[in-house]
Amino acid sequence: MFSQKERKVKKVIDEHVQKVGGCLGSFKGCLDAFLRGDRARCESIHENGNHAETEADILRRKISDYLYSGAFLPMEREDIYMTSEFVDKIANKVEKASDVVAYQGPDVPEDCKQTLHEIVETIAKMFRIFQEAVRLFVPSEVLQASENLAAIRDKITAIGVMESEIDDKECVMMRTIFHSELPLANKIQLERFVRRVTEISDVIEDAADSLYVLVIRERI
């Protein structure tokens, strides 16, 4: 059963995940505005995303402080810390991808825009499912219910499937980019940007896997 201190940690964990979700939402809005040619809105949303990333860092440090003060068992603390680090890494990856959009303005051909949009939409969906899984991480007497654990497992499995779908779309984009009429320098710039974006899905999957280890340990 969660103690009062552990419930406080869980509350901050939920806030941290929500804030990182806001970072991801800002990146999506920033990219959408950029692809529509609205640079002013793109830069405004990018700035809001940077503020959200800073706030996420503060929440991540707050989780660490609670853990250092003795919340949860030592073995669980390590898992919670690692999960929060992965979640914060998502925000860092999102910020870097958003920086490329706002500062570099990569040349995205029309036949790449739809696939890029689909990748970002899938990443956003992955994170929403991860956030739902985090909400299901509850006091042990509830977690013991098999349907609760099964729901978390199903969500983490779904995240893995979507990550594979993104890998497939990334391959399609690479072919499209390097068969396009873009100058080589633009191709390399866009290729690096797309990889920055798809790396976000890799870290979401890492965070989900770390959460599942934590859930299994808590259940035991």
N, C-alpha and C. Protein backbone atom coordinates (compact mmCIF):
# COMPACT_ATOMS: atom_id res chain seq x y z
N MET A 1 0.84 -1.20 0.00
CA MET A 1 0.00 0.00 0.00
C MET A 1 0.88 1.26 0.00
N PHE A 2 0.52 2.26 -0.78
CA PHE A 2 1.28 3.49 -0.81
C PHE A 2 1.13 4.23 0.52
N SER A 3 2.24 4.77 1.02
CA SER A 3 2.19 5.64 2.18
C SER A 3 1.79 7.04 1.71
N GLN A 4 1.59 7.95 2.67
CA GLN A 4 1.22 9.32 2.30
C GLN A 4 2.32 9.97 1.47
N LYS A 5 3.57 9.71 1.85
CA LYS A 5 4.70 10.28 1.11
C LYS A 5 4.73 9.72 -0.32
N GLU A 6 4.45 8.42 -0.45
CA GLU A 6 4.46 7.80 -1.77
C GLU A 6 3.33 8.30 -2.65
N ARG A 7 2.19 8.59 -2.03
CA ARG A 7 1.08 9.17 -2.80
C ARG A 7 1.47 10.56 -3.34
N LYS A 8 2.25 11.31 -2.56
CA LYS A 8 2.71 12.61 -3.03
C LYS A 8 3.64 12.46 -4.23
N VAL A 9 4.51 11.43 -4.16
CA VAL A 9 5.39 11.17 -5.29
C VAL A 9 4.58 10.83 -6.53
N LYS A 10 3.58 9.98 -6.36
CA LYS A 10 2.73 9.58 -7.49
C LYS A 10 2.05 10.79 -8.11
N LYS A 11 1.61 11.72 -7.28
CA LYS A 11 0.96 12.93 -7.78
C LYS A 11 1.93 13.75 -8.64
N VAL A 12 3.18 13.86 -8.18
CA VAL A 12 4.17 14.61 -8.94
C VAL A 12 4.54 13.87 -10.22
N ILE A 13 4.60 12.53 -10.16
CA ILE A 13 4.86 11.73 -11.36
C ILE A 13 3.79 12.01 -12.42
N ASP A 14 2.53 12.02 -11.99
CA ASP A 14 1.43 12.31 -12.93
C ASP A 14 1.57 13.72 -13.51
N GLU A 15 1.94 14.68 -12.66
CA GLU A 15 2.12 16.06 -13.12
C GLU A 15 3.27 16.15 -14.12
N HIS A 16 4.33 15.41 -13.84
CA HIS A 16 5.50 15.40 -14.71
C HIS A 16 5.14 14.85 -16.10
N VAL A 17 4.44 13.73 -16.11
CA VAL A 17 4.03 13.13 -17.38
C VAL A 17 3.11 14.08 -18.14
N GLN A 18 2.20 14.71 -17.42
CA GLN A 18 1.28 15.66 -18.07
C GLN A 18 2.04 16.83 -18.68
N LYS A 19 3.04 17.33 -17.96
CA LYS A 19 3.82 18.47 -18.46
C LYS A 19 4.61 18.07 -19.70
N VAL A 20 5.18 16.87 -19.69
CA VAL A 20 5.92 16.40 -20.87
C VAL A 20 4.96 16.22 -22.04
N GLY A 21 3.75 15.77 -21.76
CA GLY A 21 2.73 15.69 -22.80
C GLY A 21 2.45 17.07 -23.40
N GLY A 22 2.51 18.10 -22.55
CA GLY A 22 2.35 19.46 -23.05
C GLY A 22 3.49 19.87 -23.97
N CYS A 23 4.70 19.44 -23.63
CA CYS A 23 5.86 19.71 -24.49
C CYS A 23 5.65 19.08 -25.86
N LEU A 24 5.17 17.84 -25.85
CA LEU A 24 4.94 17.13 -27.11
C LEU A 24 3.83 17.81 -27.92
N GLY A 25 2.79 18.26 -27.23
CA GLY A 25 1.71 18.98 -27.90
C GLY A 25 2.20 20.27 -28.53
N SER A 26 3.11 20.96 -27.84
CA SER A 26 3.68 22.20 -28.38
C SER A 26 4.50 21.92 -29.63
N PHE A 27 5.28 20.84 -29.59
CA PHE A 27 6.08 20.49 -30.77
C PHE A 27 5.18 20.20 -31.96
N LYS A 28 4.12 19.44 -31.73
CA LYS A 28 3.19 19.11 -32.80
C LYS A 28 2.59 20.40 -33.39
N GLY A 29 2.17 21.32 -32.52
CA GLY A 29 1.62 22.58 -32.99
C GLY A 29 2.64 23.43 -33.73
N CYS A 30 3.87 23.42 -33.22
CA CYS A 30 4.97 24.17 -33.84
C CYS A 30 5.23 23.64 -35.25
N LEU A 31 5.29 22.31 -35.38
CA LEU A 31 5.55 21.70 -36.68
C LEU A 31 4.39 21.95 -37.65
N ASP A 32 3.17 21.81 -37.17
CA ASP A 32 2.01 22.04 -38.02
C ASP A 32 2.01 23.47 -38.57
N ALA A 33 2.31 24.43 -37.68
CA ALA A 33 2.34 25.84 -38.12
C ALA A 33 3.45 26.06 -39.14
N PHE A 34 4.59 25.43 -38.91
CA PHE A 34 5.72 25.56 -39.84
C PHE A 34 5.36 25.01 -41.22
N LEU A 35 4.75 23.83 -41.24
CA LEU A 35 4.40 23.20 -42.52
C LEU A 35 3.33 24.00 -43.27
N ARG A 36 2.53 24.79 -42.52
CA ARG A 36 1.54 25.66 -43.17
C ARG A 36 2.15 26.99 -43.61
N GLY A 37 3.40 27.21 -43.23
CA GLY A 37 4.07 28.45 -43.58
C GLY A 37 3.83 29.59 -42.62
N ASP A 38 3.29 29.30 -41.44
CA ASP A 38 3.02 30.33 -40.43
C ASP A 38 4.19 30.39 -39.45
N ARG A 39 5.25 31.10 -39.83
CA ARG A 39 6.47 31.12 -39.01
C ARG A 39 6.26 31.83 -37.68
N ALA A 40 5.43 32.87 -37.65
CA ALA A 40 5.21 33.61 -36.41
C ALA A 40 4.58 32.70 -35.36
N ARG A 41 3.55 31.96 -35.78
CA ARG A 41 2.90 31.04 -34.83
C ARG A 41 3.84 29.91 -34.45
N CYS A 42 4.60 29.43 -35.40
CA CYS A 42 5.57 28.37 -35.14
C CYS A 42 6.53 28.79 -34.03
N GLU A 43 7.08 29.99 -34.13
CA GLU A 43 8.05 30.46 -33.14
C GLU A 43 7.41 30.72 -31.78
N SER A 44 6.16 31.18 -31.79
CA SER A 44 5.44 31.43 -30.54
C SER A 44 5.18 30.12 -29.79
N ILE A 45 4.72 29.11 -30.52
CA ILE A 45 4.46 27.81 -29.91
C ILE A 45 5.76 27.18 -29.43
N HIS A 46 6.82 27.36 -30.22
CA HIS A 46 8.13 26.82 -29.83
C HIS A 46 8.58 27.41 -28.50
N GLU A 47 8.38 28.70 -28.31
CA GLU A 47 8.77 29.34 -27.06
C GLU A 47 7.96 28.78 -25.88
N ASN A 48 6.67 28.57 -26.09
CA ASN A 48 5.84 27.97 -25.04
C ASN A 48 6.32 26.57 -24.69
N GLY A 49 6.74 25.81 -25.71
CA GLY A 49 7.26 24.47 -25.48
C GLY A 49 8.52 24.49 -24.66
N ASN A 50 9.39 25.49 -24.89
CA ASN A 50 10.62 25.60 -24.10
C ASN A 50 10.31 25.86 -22.63
N HIS A 51 9.30 26.69 -22.38
CA HIS A 51 8.90 26.95 -20.99
C HIS A 51 8.38 25.67 -20.34
N ALA A 52 7.60 24.89 -21.08
CA ALA A 52 7.05 23.64 -20.55
C ALA A 52 8.17 22.65 -20.23
N GLU A 53 9.21 22.62 -21.07
CA GLU A 53 10.33 21.70 -20.84
C GLU A 53 11.07 22.08 -19.56
N THR A 54 11.22 23.39 -19.31
CA THR A 54 11.86 23.86 -18.08
C THR A 54 11.04 23.46 -16.86
N GLU A 55 9.73 23.60 -16.96
CA GLU A 55 8.84 23.20 -15.86
C GLU A 55 8.88 21.69 -15.63
N ALA A 56 9.03 20.92 -16.70
CA ALA A 56 9.15 19.46 -16.57
C ALA A 56 10.42 19.11 -15.82
N ASP A 57 11.52 19.82 -16.08
CA ASP A 57 12.77 19.59 -15.36
C ASP A 57 12.60 19.80 -13.86
N ILE A 58 11.86 20.84 -13.52
CA ILE A 58 11.63 21.15 -12.10
C ILE A 58 10.86 20.01 -11.42
N LEU A 59 9.85 19.49 -12.10
CA LEU A 59 9.07 18.38 -11.56
C LEU A 59 9.91 17.11 -11.44
N ARG A 60 10.78 16.86 -12.42
CA ARG A 60 11.65 15.69 -12.35
C ARG A 60 12.58 15.76 -11.15
N ARG A 61 13.11 16.96 -10.88
CA ARG A 61 13.97 17.12 -9.70
C ARG A 61 13.18 16.95 -8.41
N LYS A 62 11.92 17.36 -8.43
CA LYS A 62 11.06 17.20 -7.25
C LYS A 62 10.83 15.72 -6.96
N ILE A 63 10.64 14.91 -8.01
CA ILE A 63 10.50 13.46 -7.83
C ILE A 63 11.76 12.90 -7.19
N SER A 64 12.93 13.32 -7.68
CA SER A 64 14.20 12.85 -7.14
C SER A 64 14.34 13.21 -5.67
N ASP A 65 13.93 14.43 -5.31
CA ASP A 65 14.03 14.86 -3.91
C ASP A 65 13.16 13.99 -3.02
N TYR A 66 11.93 13.69 -3.46
CA TYR A 66 11.05 12.82 -2.68
C TYR A 66 11.67 11.43 -2.50
N LEU A 67 12.24 10.91 -3.56
CA LEU A 67 12.84 9.58 -3.48
C LEU A 67 14.04 9.59 -2.53
N TYR A 68 14.83 10.65 -2.60
CA TYR A 68 15.99 10.78 -1.73
C TYR A 68 15.56 10.85 -0.26
N SER A 69 14.39 11.42 -0.02
CA SER A 69 13.91 11.56 1.37
C SER A 69 13.37 10.26 1.93
N GLY A 70 13.27 9.20 1.09
CA GLY A 70 12.91 7.89 1.62
C GLY A 70 11.59 7.31 1.13
N ALA A 71 10.95 7.94 0.14
CA ALA A 71 9.70 7.38 -0.37
C ALA A 71 10.00 6.10 -1.14
N PHE A 72 9.16 5.09 -0.97
CA PHE A 72 9.26 3.79 -1.62
C PHE A 72 10.48 3.00 -1.10
N LEU A 73 10.47 1.71 -1.38
CA LEU A 73 11.58 0.84 -1.02
C LEU A 73 12.77 1.16 -1.92
N PRO A 74 13.99 0.88 -1.46
CA PRO A 74 15.18 1.21 -2.25
C PRO A 74 15.14 0.67 -3.69
N MET A 75 14.69 -0.57 -3.87
CA MET A 75 14.65 -1.16 -5.20
C MET A 75 13.65 -0.43 -6.09
N GLU A 76 12.52 -0.03 -5.50
CA GLU A 76 11.49 0.68 -6.26
C GLU A 76 11.96 2.08 -6.61
N ARG A 77 12.72 2.70 -5.71
CA ARG A 77 13.21 4.05 -5.97
C ARG A 77 14.01 4.10 -7.25
N GLU A 78 14.87 3.12 -7.45
CA GLU A 78 15.70 3.09 -8.66
C GLU A 78 14.83 3.00 -9.91
N ASP A 79 13.79 2.15 -9.87
CA ASP A 79 12.91 2.01 -11.03
C ASP A 79 12.13 3.29 -11.30
N ILE A 80 11.63 3.91 -10.23
CA ILE A 80 10.88 5.16 -10.38
C ILE A 80 11.78 6.26 -10.92
N TYR A 81 13.00 6.32 -10.40
CA TYR A 81 13.95 7.32 -10.88
C TYR A 81 14.24 7.12 -12.36
N MET A 82 14.49 5.87 -12.77
CA MET A 82 14.80 5.58 -14.16
C MET A 82 13.62 5.93 -15.07
N THR A 83 12.41 5.59 -14.61
CA THR A 83 11.22 5.91 -15.42
C THR A 83 11.07 7.41 -15.59
N SER A 84 11.25 8.17 -14.50
CA SER A 84 11.13 9.63 -14.58
C SER A 84 12.23 10.22 -15.47
N GLU A 85 13.41 9.61 -15.47
CA GLU A 85 14.49 10.07 -16.34
C GLU A 85 14.14 9.86 -17.81
N PHE A 86 13.55 8.70 -18.11
CA PHE A 86 13.13 8.44 -19.49
C PHE A 86 12.05 9.44 -19.92
N VAL A 87 11.11 9.71 -19.01
CA VAL A 87 10.04 10.67 -19.33
C VAL A 87 10.64 12.05 -19.59
N ASP A 88 11.59 12.43 -18.76
CA ASP A 88 12.22 13.74 -18.97
C ASP A 88 13.04 13.77 -20.25
N LYS A 89 13.62 12.63 -20.60
CA LYS A 89 14.38 12.55 -21.85
C LYS A 89 13.47 12.76 -23.05
N ILE A 90 12.21 12.34 -22.93
CA ILE A 90 11.23 12.59 -24.00
C ILE A 90 11.12 14.10 -24.23
N ALA A 91 10.99 14.85 -23.13
CA ALA A 91 10.88 16.31 -23.24
C ALA A 91 12.13 16.90 -23.88
N ASN A 92 13.29 16.38 -23.52
CA ASN A 92 14.54 16.88 -24.10
C ASN A 92 14.60 16.62 -25.61
N LYS A 93 14.20 15.41 -26.01
CA LYS A 93 14.20 15.07 -27.44
C LYS A 93 13.21 15.96 -28.20
N VAL A 94 12.06 16.19 -27.59
CA VAL A 94 11.04 17.04 -28.21
C VAL A 94 11.57 18.47 -28.38
N GLU A 95 12.23 18.98 -27.35
CA GLU A 95 12.77 20.35 -27.41
C GLU A 95 13.79 20.48 -28.54
N LYS A 96 14.66 19.49 -28.69
CA LYS A 96 15.68 19.55 -29.74
C LYS A 96 15.06 19.50 -31.13
N ALA A 97 14.04 18.65 -31.30
CA ALA A 97 13.36 18.58 -32.59
C ALA A 97 12.65 19.89 -32.89
N SER A 98 12.04 20.49 -31.86
CA SER A 98 11.35 21.77 -32.03
C SER A 98 12.33 22.88 -32.37
N ASP A 99 13.54 22.82 -31.78
CA ASP A 99 14.58 23.80 -32.10
C ASP A 99 14.93 23.77 -33.58
N VAL A 100 15.01 22.56 -34.14
CA VAL A 100 15.33 22.43 -35.57
C VAL A 100 14.26 23.11 -36.42
N VAL A 101 13.01 22.90 -36.05
CA VAL A 101 11.91 23.51 -36.81
C VAL A 101 11.99 25.03 -36.73
N ALA A 102 12.14 25.56 -35.51
CA ALA A 102 12.09 27.01 -35.31
C ALA A 102 13.34 27.73 -35.81
N TYR A 103 14.51 27.11 -35.63
CA TYR A 103 15.75 27.81 -35.95
C TYR A 103 16.30 27.48 -37.34
N GLN A 104 16.11 26.24 -37.80
CA GLN A 104 16.68 25.84 -39.08
C GLN A 104 15.67 25.89 -40.22
N GLY A 105 14.40 25.63 -39.90
CA GLY A 105 13.38 25.64 -40.95
C GLY A 105 13.71 24.69 -42.08
N PRO A 106 13.81 23.38 -41.80
CA PRO A 106 14.19 22.42 -42.85
C PRO A 106 13.21 22.44 -44.02
N ASP A 107 13.75 22.19 -45.19
CA ASP A 107 12.94 22.15 -46.42
C ASP A 107 12.26 20.78 -46.50
N VAL A 108 10.94 20.76 -46.30
CA VAL A 108 10.18 19.51 -46.32
C VAL A 108 9.36 19.45 -47.60
N PRO A 109 9.71 18.55 -48.54
CA PRO A 109 8.94 18.44 -49.79
C PRO A 109 7.50 18.06 -49.52
N GLU A 110 6.62 18.42 -50.43
CA GLU A 110 5.20 18.14 -50.27
C GLU A 110 4.92 16.65 -50.09
N ASP A 111 5.67 15.80 -50.81
CA ASP A 111 5.40 14.37 -50.72
C ASP A 111 5.96 13.74 -49.44
N CYS A 112 6.60 14.55 -48.59
CA CYS A 112 7.08 14.08 -47.28
C CYS A 112 6.18 14.55 -46.14
N LYS A 113 5.43 15.62 -46.38
CA LYS A 113 4.68 16.25 -45.30
C LYS A 113 3.65 15.32 -44.67
N GLN A 114 2.93 14.56 -45.49
CA GLN A 114 1.89 13.69 -44.95
C GLN A 114 2.48 12.59 -44.08
N THR A 115 3.57 11.98 -44.53
CA THR A 115 4.19 10.92 -43.74
C THR A 115 4.75 11.48 -42.44
N LEU A 116 5.36 12.66 -42.51
CA LEU A 116 5.88 13.29 -41.30
C LEU A 116 4.75 13.58 -40.32
N HIS A 117 3.65 14.07 -40.85
CA HIS A 117 2.47 14.34 -40.01
C HIS A 117 1.98 13.05 -39.35
N GLU A 118 1.93 11.97 -40.10
CA GLU A 118 1.48 10.68 -39.56
C GLU A 118 2.42 10.19 -38.45
N ILE A 119 3.72 10.38 -38.64
CA ILE A 119 4.69 9.97 -37.62
C ILE A 119 4.46 10.72 -36.32
N VAL A 120 4.29 12.04 -36.43
CA VAL A 120 4.10 12.86 -35.23
C VAL A 120 2.76 12.53 -34.56
N GLU A 121 1.72 12.28 -35.34
CA GLU A 121 0.42 11.89 -34.78
C GLU A 121 0.54 10.57 -34.01
N THR A 122 1.30 9.62 -34.58
CA THR A 122 1.48 8.34 -33.91
C THR A 122 2.28 8.50 -32.62
N ILE A 123 3.30 9.34 -32.65
CA ILE A 123 4.08 9.61 -31.44
C ILE A 123 3.19 10.20 -30.35
N ALA A 124 2.32 11.15 -30.73
CA ALA A 124 1.41 11.75 -29.76
C ALA A 124 0.47 10.70 -29.18
N LYS A 125 -0.01 9.79 -30.02
CA LYS A 125 -0.88 8.72 -29.55
C LYS A 125 -0.14 7.77 -28.61
N MET A 126 1.11 7.44 -28.96
CA MET A 126 1.94 6.61 -28.08
C MET A 126 2.03 7.22 -26.69
N PHE A 127 2.28 8.53 -26.67
CA PHE A 127 2.46 9.16 -25.37
C PHE A 127 1.16 9.20 -24.57
N ARG A 128 0.04 9.42 -25.25
CA ARG A 128 -1.25 9.41 -24.54
C ARG A 128 -1.49 8.04 -23.91
N ILE A 129 -1.15 6.98 -24.62
CA ILE A 129 -1.34 5.63 -24.09
C ILE A 129 -0.38 5.40 -22.91
N PHE A 130 0.84 5.90 -23.04
CA PHE A 130 1.79 5.80 -21.93
C PHE A 130 1.25 6.53 -20.70
N GLN A 131 0.69 7.71 -20.91
CA GLN A 131 0.14 8.48 -19.80
C GLN A 131 -1.01 7.72 -19.12
N GLU A 132 -1.83 7.04 -19.92
CA GLU A 132 -2.90 6.22 -19.35
C GLU A 132 -2.32 5.08 -18.52
N ALA A 133 -1.23 4.49 -18.98
CA ALA A 133 -0.59 3.40 -18.24
C ALA A 133 -0.03 3.91 -16.91
N VAL A 134 0.55 5.11 -16.93
CA VAL A 134 1.08 5.70 -15.69
C VAL A 134 -0.04 5.92 -14.68
N ARG A 135 -1.20 6.36 -15.17
CA ARG A 135 -2.33 6.58 -14.26
C ARG A 135 -2.77 5.29 -13.59
N LEU A 136 -2.57 4.17 -14.26
CA LEU A 136 -2.96 2.87 -13.71
C LEU A 136 -1.98 2.33 -12.69
N PHE A 137 -0.82 2.99 -12.57
CA PHE A 137 0.13 2.62 -11.52
C PHE A 137 -0.38 3.21 -10.21
N VAL A 138 -1.00 2.36 -9.42
CA VAL A 138 -1.75 2.78 -8.23
C VAL A 138 -1.30 1.94 -7.04
N PRO A 139 -1.83 2.24 -5.83
CA PRO A 139 -1.45 1.44 -4.66
C PRO A 139 -1.55 -0.06 -4.89
N SER A 140 -0.68 -0.80 -4.26
CA SER A 140 -0.50 -2.22 -4.55
C SER A 140 -1.77 -3.05 -4.41
N GLU A 141 -2.66 -2.69 -3.50
CA GLU A 141 -3.86 -3.51 -3.33
C GLU A 141 -4.76 -3.43 -4.56
N VAL A 142 -4.68 -2.33 -5.29
CA VAL A 142 -5.43 -2.20 -6.53
C VAL A 142 -4.66 -2.84 -7.68
N LEU A 143 -3.35 -2.63 -7.66
CA LEU A 143 -2.51 -3.18 -8.71
C LEU A 143 -2.54 -4.69 -8.73
N GLN A 144 -2.82 -5.30 -7.59
CA GLN A 144 -2.89 -6.75 -7.53
C GLN A 144 -4.00 -7.31 -8.41
N ALA A 145 -4.99 -6.49 -8.72
CA ALA A 145 -6.08 -6.95 -9.58
C ALA A 145 -5.53 -7.28 -10.96
N SER A 146 -5.77 -8.49 -11.42
CA SER A 146 -5.18 -8.96 -12.68
C SER A 146 -5.60 -8.10 -13.86
N GLU A 147 -6.85 -7.58 -13.85
CA GLU A 147 -7.31 -6.79 -14.98
C GLU A 147 -6.55 -5.46 -15.06
N ASN A 148 -6.11 -4.95 -13.90
CA ASN A 148 -5.35 -3.70 -13.88
C ASN A 148 -3.98 -3.91 -14.49
N LEU A 149 -3.32 -4.97 -14.08
CA LEU A 149 -2.00 -5.29 -14.63
C LEU A 149 -2.11 -5.61 -16.11
N ALA A 150 -3.15 -6.34 -16.49
CA ALA A 150 -3.35 -6.69 -17.90
C ALA A 150 -3.55 -5.43 -18.75
N ALA A 151 -4.26 -4.45 -18.21
CA ALA A 151 -4.49 -3.20 -18.94
C ALA A 151 -3.18 -2.47 -19.19
N ILE A 152 -2.31 -2.43 -18.18
CA ILE A 152 -1.01 -1.79 -18.34
C ILE A 152 -0.18 -2.54 -19.38
N ARG A 153 -0.18 -3.86 -19.28
CA ARG A 153 0.58 -4.67 -20.24
C ARG A 153 0.08 -4.44 -21.66
N ASP A 154 -1.25 -4.37 -21.85
CA ASP A 154 -1.81 -4.15 -23.18
C ASP A 154 -1.39 -2.80 -23.75
N LYS A 155 -1.36 -1.79 -22.90
CA LYS A 155 -0.98 -0.46 -23.35
C LYS A 155 0.49 -0.42 -23.75
N ILE A 156 1.33 -1.09 -22.98
CA ILE A 156 2.75 -1.11 -23.29
C ILE A 156 3.00 -1.90 -24.58
N THR A 157 2.25 -2.97 -24.77
CA THR A 157 2.35 -3.73 -26.02
C THR A 157 1.94 -2.87 -27.21
N ALA A 158 0.87 -2.11 -27.05
CA ALA A 158 0.39 -1.22 -28.13
C ALA A 158 1.45 -0.17 -28.47
N ILE A 159 2.14 0.33 -27.46
CA ILE A 159 3.21 1.31 -27.69
C ILE A 159 4.32 0.69 -28.54
N GLY A 160 4.68 -0.56 -28.24
CA GLY A 160 5.70 -1.24 -29.02
C GLY A 160 5.29 -1.42 -30.47
N VAL A 161 4.03 -1.74 -30.70
CA VAL A 161 3.53 -1.92 -32.07
C VAL A 161 3.60 -0.60 -32.83
N MET A 162 3.19 0.49 -32.19
CA MET A 162 3.22 1.79 -32.86
C MET A 162 4.64 2.26 -33.13
N GLU A 163 5.57 1.91 -32.25
CA GLU A 163 6.97 2.28 -32.48
C GLU A 163 7.49 1.60 -33.73
N SER A 164 7.09 0.35 -33.93
CA SER A 164 7.48 -0.38 -35.15
C SER A 164 6.87 0.26 -36.39
N GLU A 165 5.63 0.72 -36.28
CA GLU A 165 4.97 1.41 -37.40
C GLU A 165 5.74 2.68 -37.76
N ILE A 166 6.21 3.38 -36.76
CA ILE A 166 6.99 4.60 -37.01
C ILE A 166 8.30 4.25 -37.71
N ASP A 167 8.95 3.17 -37.30
CA ASP A 167 10.17 2.73 -37.98
C ASP A 167 9.92 2.50 -39.47
N ASP A 168 8.78 1.88 -39.79
CA ASP A 168 8.44 1.62 -41.19
C ASP A 168 8.24 2.93 -41.96
N LYS A 169 7.55 3.88 -41.33
CA LYS A 169 7.31 5.17 -41.98
C LYS A 169 8.61 5.94 -42.14
N GLU A 170 9.51 5.79 -41.18
CA GLU A 170 10.82 6.44 -41.26
C GLU A 170 11.58 5.93 -42.49
N CYS A 171 11.53 4.62 -42.73
CA CYS A 171 12.19 4.04 -43.90
C CYS A 171 11.61 4.61 -45.20
N VAL A 172 10.28 4.75 -45.23
CA VAL A 172 9.62 5.33 -46.40
C VAL A 172 10.11 6.76 -46.63
N MET A 173 10.19 7.52 -45.54
CA MET A 173 10.64 8.91 -45.66
C MET A 173 12.07 9.01 -46.14
N MET A 174 12.94 8.12 -45.65
CA MET A 174 14.34 8.15 -46.08
C MET A 174 14.45 7.95 -47.58
N ARG A 175 13.68 6.99 -48.11
CA ARG A 175 13.71 6.75 -49.56
C ARG A 175 13.20 7.98 -50.32
N THR A 176 12.10 8.55 -49.81
CA THR A 176 11.52 9.72 -50.47
C THR A 176 12.50 10.89 -50.47
N ILE A 177 13.14 11.11 -49.34
CA ILE A 177 14.08 12.23 -49.21
C ILE A 177 15.24 12.09 -50.19
N PHE A 178 15.84 10.91 -50.21
CA PHE A 178 17.05 10.76 -51.01
C PHE A 178 16.79 10.48 -52.49
N HIS A 179 15.51 10.32 -52.84
CA HIS A 179 15.15 10.24 -54.26
C HIS A 179 14.52 11.55 -54.74
N SER A 180 14.49 12.54 -53.85
CA SER A 180 13.90 13.83 -54.20
C SER A 180 14.90 14.69 -54.97
N GLU A 181 14.44 15.85 -55.40
CA GLU A 181 15.29 16.79 -56.15
C GLU A 181 15.98 17.79 -55.23
N LEU A 182 15.85 17.59 -53.92
CA LEU A 182 16.51 18.50 -52.98
C LEU A 182 18.02 18.45 -53.14
N PRO A 183 18.71 19.57 -52.91
CA PRO A 183 20.18 19.54 -52.86
C PRO A 183 20.64 18.59 -51.74
N LEU A 184 21.83 18.03 -51.89
CA LEU A 184 22.31 17.04 -50.93
C LEU A 184 22.32 17.59 -49.51
N ALA A 185 22.74 18.84 -49.34
CA ALA A 185 22.80 19.42 -47.99
C ALA A 185 21.41 19.45 -47.36
N ASN A 186 20.38 19.77 -48.15
CA ASN A 186 19.01 19.80 -47.64
C ASN A 186 18.52 18.39 -47.30
N LYS A 187 18.94 17.42 -48.12
CA LYS A 187 18.56 16.03 -47.84
C LYS A 187 19.13 15.58 -46.49
N ILE A 188 20.40 15.90 -46.27
CA ILE A 188 21.05 15.50 -45.01
C ILE A 188 20.40 16.20 -43.83
N GLN A 189 20.10 17.49 -43.98
CA GLN A 189 19.43 18.23 -42.91
C GLN A 189 18.08 17.62 -42.57
N LEU A 190 17.29 17.30 -43.60
CA LEU A 190 15.97 16.75 -43.37
C LEU A 190 16.06 15.34 -42.79
N GLU A 191 17.02 14.55 -43.28
CA GLU A 191 17.21 13.19 -42.75
C GLU A 191 17.52 13.23 -41.26
N ARG A 192 18.38 14.15 -40.84
CA ARG A 192 18.73 14.28 -39.42
C ARG A 192 17.52 14.73 -38.60
N PHE A 193 16.74 15.62 -39.18
CA PHE A 193 15.55 16.09 -38.47
C PHE A 193 14.55 14.95 -38.26
N VAL A 194 14.29 14.18 -39.32
CA VAL A 194 13.35 13.07 -39.21
C VAL A 194 13.83 12.07 -38.16
N ARG A 195 15.12 11.82 -38.12
CA ARG A 195 15.64 10.88 -37.11
C ARG A 195 15.49 11.45 -35.71
N ARG A 196 15.65 12.76 -35.55
CA ARG A 196 15.41 13.38 -34.24
C ARG A 196 13.95 13.15 -33.80
N VAL A 197 13.05 13.29 -34.76
CA VAL A 197 11.63 13.11 -34.44
C VAL A 197 11.34 11.66 -34.05
N THR A 198 11.84 10.72 -34.85
CA THR A 198 11.53 9.30 -34.57
C THR A 198 12.22 8.80 -33.30
N GLU A 199 13.31 9.46 -32.90
CA GLU A 199 13.96 9.09 -31.63
C GLU A 199 13.02 9.32 -30.44
N ILE A 200 12.07 10.24 -30.59
CA ILE A 200 11.11 10.49 -29.51
C ILE A 200 10.31 9.21 -29.23
N SER A 201 9.92 8.51 -30.28
CA SER A 201 9.15 7.28 -30.11
C SER A 201 9.98 6.20 -29.43
N ASP A 202 11.28 6.17 -29.73
CA ASP A 202 12.17 5.19 -29.08
C ASP A 202 12.19 5.40 -27.57
N VAL A 203 12.27 6.66 -27.16
CA VAL A 203 12.35 6.95 -25.72
C VAL A 203 11.01 6.71 -25.04
N ILE A 204 9.91 6.97 -25.73
CA ILE A 204 8.59 6.64 -25.16
C ILE A 204 8.51 5.15 -24.90
N GLU A 205 8.99 4.35 -25.84
CA GLU A 205 8.99 2.90 -25.65
C GLU A 205 9.88 2.51 -24.47
N ASP A 206 11.04 3.15 -24.33
CA ASP A 206 11.93 2.89 -23.19
C ASP A 206 11.23 3.22 -21.88
N ALA A 207 10.53 4.35 -21.85
CA ALA A 207 9.81 4.75 -20.64
C ALA A 207 8.72 3.75 -20.29
N ALA A 208 8.01 3.26 -21.31
CA ALA A 208 6.95 2.27 -21.10
C ALA A 208 7.52 0.97 -20.55
N ASP A 209 8.64 0.53 -21.11
CA ASP A 209 9.28 -0.70 -20.62
C ASP A 209 9.73 -0.54 -19.17
N SER A 210 10.27 0.63 -18.85
CA SER A 210 10.71 0.90 -17.48
C SER A 210 9.53 0.91 -16.52
N LEU A 211 8.42 1.48 -16.96
CA LEU A 211 7.21 1.49 -16.14
C LEU A 211 6.73 0.07 -15.86
N TYR A 212 6.79 -0.79 -16.87
CA TYR A 212 6.31 -2.16 -16.68
C TYR A 212 7.17 -2.91 -15.67
N VAL A 213 8.48 -2.68 -15.70
CA VAL A 213 9.37 -3.29 -14.69
C VAL A 213 8.96 -2.81 -13.30
N LEU A 214 8.68 -1.53 -13.17
CA LEU A 214 8.26 -0.96 -11.88
C LEU A 214 6.95 -1.59 -11.41
N VAL A 215 6.01 -1.73 -12.32
CA VAL A 215 4.69 -2.30 -11.98
C VAL A 215 4.84 -3.75 -11.51
N ILE A 216 5.64 -4.53 -12.23
CA ILE A 216 5.85 -5.93 -11.85
C ILE A 216 6.49 -6.03 -10.48
N ARG A 217 7.48 -5.17 -10.22
CA ARG A 217 8.16 -5.19 -8.92
C ARG A 217 7.22 -4.81 -7.79
N GLU A 218 6.36 -3.81 -8.04
CA GLU A 218 5.39 -3.38 -7.02
C GLU A 218 4.39 -4.50 -6.75
N ARG A 219 4.01 -5.20 -7.79
CA ARG A 219 3.01 -6.27 -7.62
C ARG A 219 3.60 -7.42 -6.82
N ILE A 220 4.88 -7.71 -7.04
CA ILE A 220 5.53 -8.79 -6.30
C ILE A 220 5.70 -8.40 -4.83
